Amino acid sequence: MTRLRELLADCLAGRGSVTAVSGPVASGKTELLHFFGAFAGSAGAAVLTATARRSERDITLGGVGCRRRLRSA
């Protein structure tokens, strides 16, 4: 969580980045991201989420298509 908070501070200061969260099944990744999303939102960040379906797992970078939809919104 410390590293995510550091990255958020950098982002809010105009220095964005990308990070990955990985780990075994049921290790708390989703819970961490939900908690951090709420924290980031309360700190003033725009928090965007996307959910994929199992049937979409073979679509390379399928969630990236969301970016186009958000830009046109």
C-alpha atoms as a PDB file:
ATOM      1  CA  MET A   1       0.000   0.000   0.000  1.00  0.00           C
ATOM      2  CA  THR A   2       2.920   2.323   0.689  1.00  0.00           C
ATOM      3  CA  ARG A   3       4.153   2.059  -2.900  1.00  0.00           C
ATOM      4  CA  LEU A   4       0.666   2.708  -4.283  1.00  0.00           C
ATOM      5  CA  ARG A   5       0.356   5.818  -2.112  1.00  0.00           C
ATOM      6  CA  GLU A   6       3.732   7.052  -3.382  1.00  0.00           C
ATOM      7  CA  LEU A   7       2.622   6.506  -6.976  1.00  0.00           C
ATOM      8  CA  LEU A   8      -0.639   8.336  -6.275  1.00  0.00           C
ATOM      9  CA  ALA A   9       1.251  11.322  -4.852  1.00  0.00           C
ATOM     10  CA  ASP A  10       3.411  11.389  -7.993  1.00  0.00           C
ATOM     11  CA  CYS A  11       0.300  11.188 -10.174  1.00  0.00           C
ATOM     12  CA  LEU A  12      -1.432  14.026  -8.358  1.00  0.00           C
ATOM     13  CA  ALA A  13       1.765  16.060  -8.881  1.00  0.00           C
ATOM     14  CA  GLY A  14       1.577  15.455 -12.643  1.00  0.00           C
ATOM     15  CA  ARG A  15       3.973  12.507 -12.886  1.00  0.00           C
ATOM     16  CA  GLY A  16       1.773   9.596 -13.894  1.00  0.00           C
ATOM     17  CA  SER A  17       2.884   5.991 -14.172  1.00  0.00           C
ATOM     18  CA  VAL A  18       1.596   2.465 -14.533  1.00  0.00           C
ATOM     19  CA  THR A  19       1.930  -0.383 -12.072  1.00  0.00           C
ATOM     20  CA  ALA A  20       0.841  -4.003 -11.929  1.00  0.00           C
ATOM     21  CA  VAL A  21      -0.638  -5.909  -9.018  1.00  0.00           C
ATOM     22  CA  SER A  22      -0.070  -9.638  -9.165  1.00  0.00           C
ATOM     23  CA  GLY A  23      -0.333 -12.608  -6.858  1.00  0.00           C
ATOM     24  CA  PRO A  24      -1.956 -15.986  -6.440  1.00  0.00           C
ATOM     25  CA  VAL A  25      -5.698 -16.544  -6.479  1.00  0.00           C
ATOM     26  CA  ALA A  26      -7.466 -15.301  -3.340  1.00  0.00           C
ATOM     27  CA  SER A  27      -4.439 -13.335  -2.105  1.00  0.00           C
ATOM     28  CA  GLY A  28      -6.321 -10.044  -1.728  1.00  0.00           C
ATOM     29  CA  LYS A  29      -5.548  -8.271  -5.014  1.00  0.00           C
ATOM     30  CA  THR A  30      -9.140  -7.239  -5.679  1.00  0.00           C
ATOM     31  CA  GLU A  31      -9.689  -6.090  -2.101  1.00  0.00           C
ATOM     32  CA  LEU A  32      -6.462  -4.057  -2.240  1.00  0.00           C
ATOM     33  CA  LEU A  33      -7.557  -2.363  -5.466  1.00  0.00           C
ATOM     34  CA  HIS A  34     -11.037  -1.590  -4.112  1.00  0.00           C
ATOM     35  CA  PHE A  35      -9.526  -0.087  -0.967  1.00  0.00           C
ATOM     36  CA  PHE A  36      -6.911   1.875  -2.887  1.00  0.00           C
ATOM     37  CA  GLY A  37      -9.501   3.116  -5.400  1.00  0.00           C
ATOM     38  CA  ALA A  38     -11.570   4.551  -2.559  1.00  0.00           C
ATOM     39  CA  PHE A  39      -8.448   6.087  -1.009  1.00  0.00           C
ATOM     40  CA  ALA A  40      -7.365   7.617  -4.329  1.00  0.00           C
ATOM     41  CA  GLY A  41     -10.846   9.013  -4.951  1.00  0.00           C
ATOM     42  CA  SER A  42     -10.911  10.647  -1.542  1.00  0.00           C
ATOM     43  CA  ALA A  43      -7.516  12.185  -2.321  1.00  0.00           C
ATOM     44  CA  GLY A  44      -8.950  13.852  -5.423  1.00  0.00           C
ATOM     45  CA  ALA A  45      -7.975  11.372  -8.140  1.00  0.00           C
ATOM     46  CA  ALA A  46     -10.372  10.344 -10.896  1.00  0.00           C
ATOM     47  CA  VAL A  47     -10.845   6.596 -10.411  1.00  0.00           C
ATOM     48  CA  LEU A  48     -11.874   4.541 -13.437  1.00  0.00           C
ATOM     49  CA  THR A  49     -12.687   0.856 -13.253  1.00  0.00           C
ATOM     50  CA  ALA A  50     -13.247  -1.903 -15.783  1.00  0.00           C
ATOM     51  CA  THR A  51     -14.428  -5.455 -15.371  1.00  0.00           C
ATOM     52  CA  ALA A  52     -13.744  -8.247 -17.827  1.00  0.00           C
ATOM     53  CA  ARG A  53     -15.670 -11.423 -18.319  1.00  0.00           C
ATOM     54  CA  ARG A  54     -14.100 -14.855 -18.484  1.00  0.00           C
ATOM     55  CA  SER A  55     -15.164 -15.052 -22.138  1.00  0.00           C
ATOM     56  CA  GLU A  56     -13.017 -11.975 -22.867  1.00  0.00           C
ATOM     57  CA  ARG A  57      -9.767 -13.333 -21.477  1.00  0.00           C
ATOM     58  CA  ASP A  58      -8.482 -14.245 -24.949  1.00  0.00           C
ATOM     59  CA  ILE A  59      -8.923 -10.679 -26.226  1.00  0.00           C
ATOM     60  CA  THR A  60      -5.495  -9.084 -26.056  1.00  0.00           C
ATOM     61  CA  LEU A  61      -5.693  -5.785 -24.158  1.00  0.00           C
ATOM     62  CA  GLY A  62      -9.488  -5.954 -24.277  1.00  0.00           C
ATOM     63  CA  GLY A  63      -9.885  -3.385 -21.508  1.00  0.00           C
ATOM     64  CA  VAL A  64      -7.898  -0.824 -23.473  1.00  0.00           C
ATOM     65  CA  GLY A  65     -10.952  -0.336 -25.700  1.00  0.00           C
ATOM     66  CA  CYS A  66     -12.572   1.368 -22.714  1.00  0.00           C
ATOM     67  CA  ARG A  67     -10.237   4.308 -23.255  1.00  0.00           C
ATOM     68  CA  ARG A  68     -11.947   5.214 -26.532  1.00  0.00           C
ATOM     69  CA  ARG A  69     -15.378   5.039 -24.948  1.00  0.00           C
ATOM     70  CA  LEU A  70     -14.280   7.253 -22.061  1.00  0.00           C
ATOM     71  CA  ARG A  71     -12.751   9.856 -24.360  1.00  0.00           C
ATOM     72  CA  SER A  72     -15.958  10.122 -26.375  1.00  0.00           C
ATOM     73  CA  ALA A  73     -18.118  10.429 -23.260  1.00  0.00           C
END
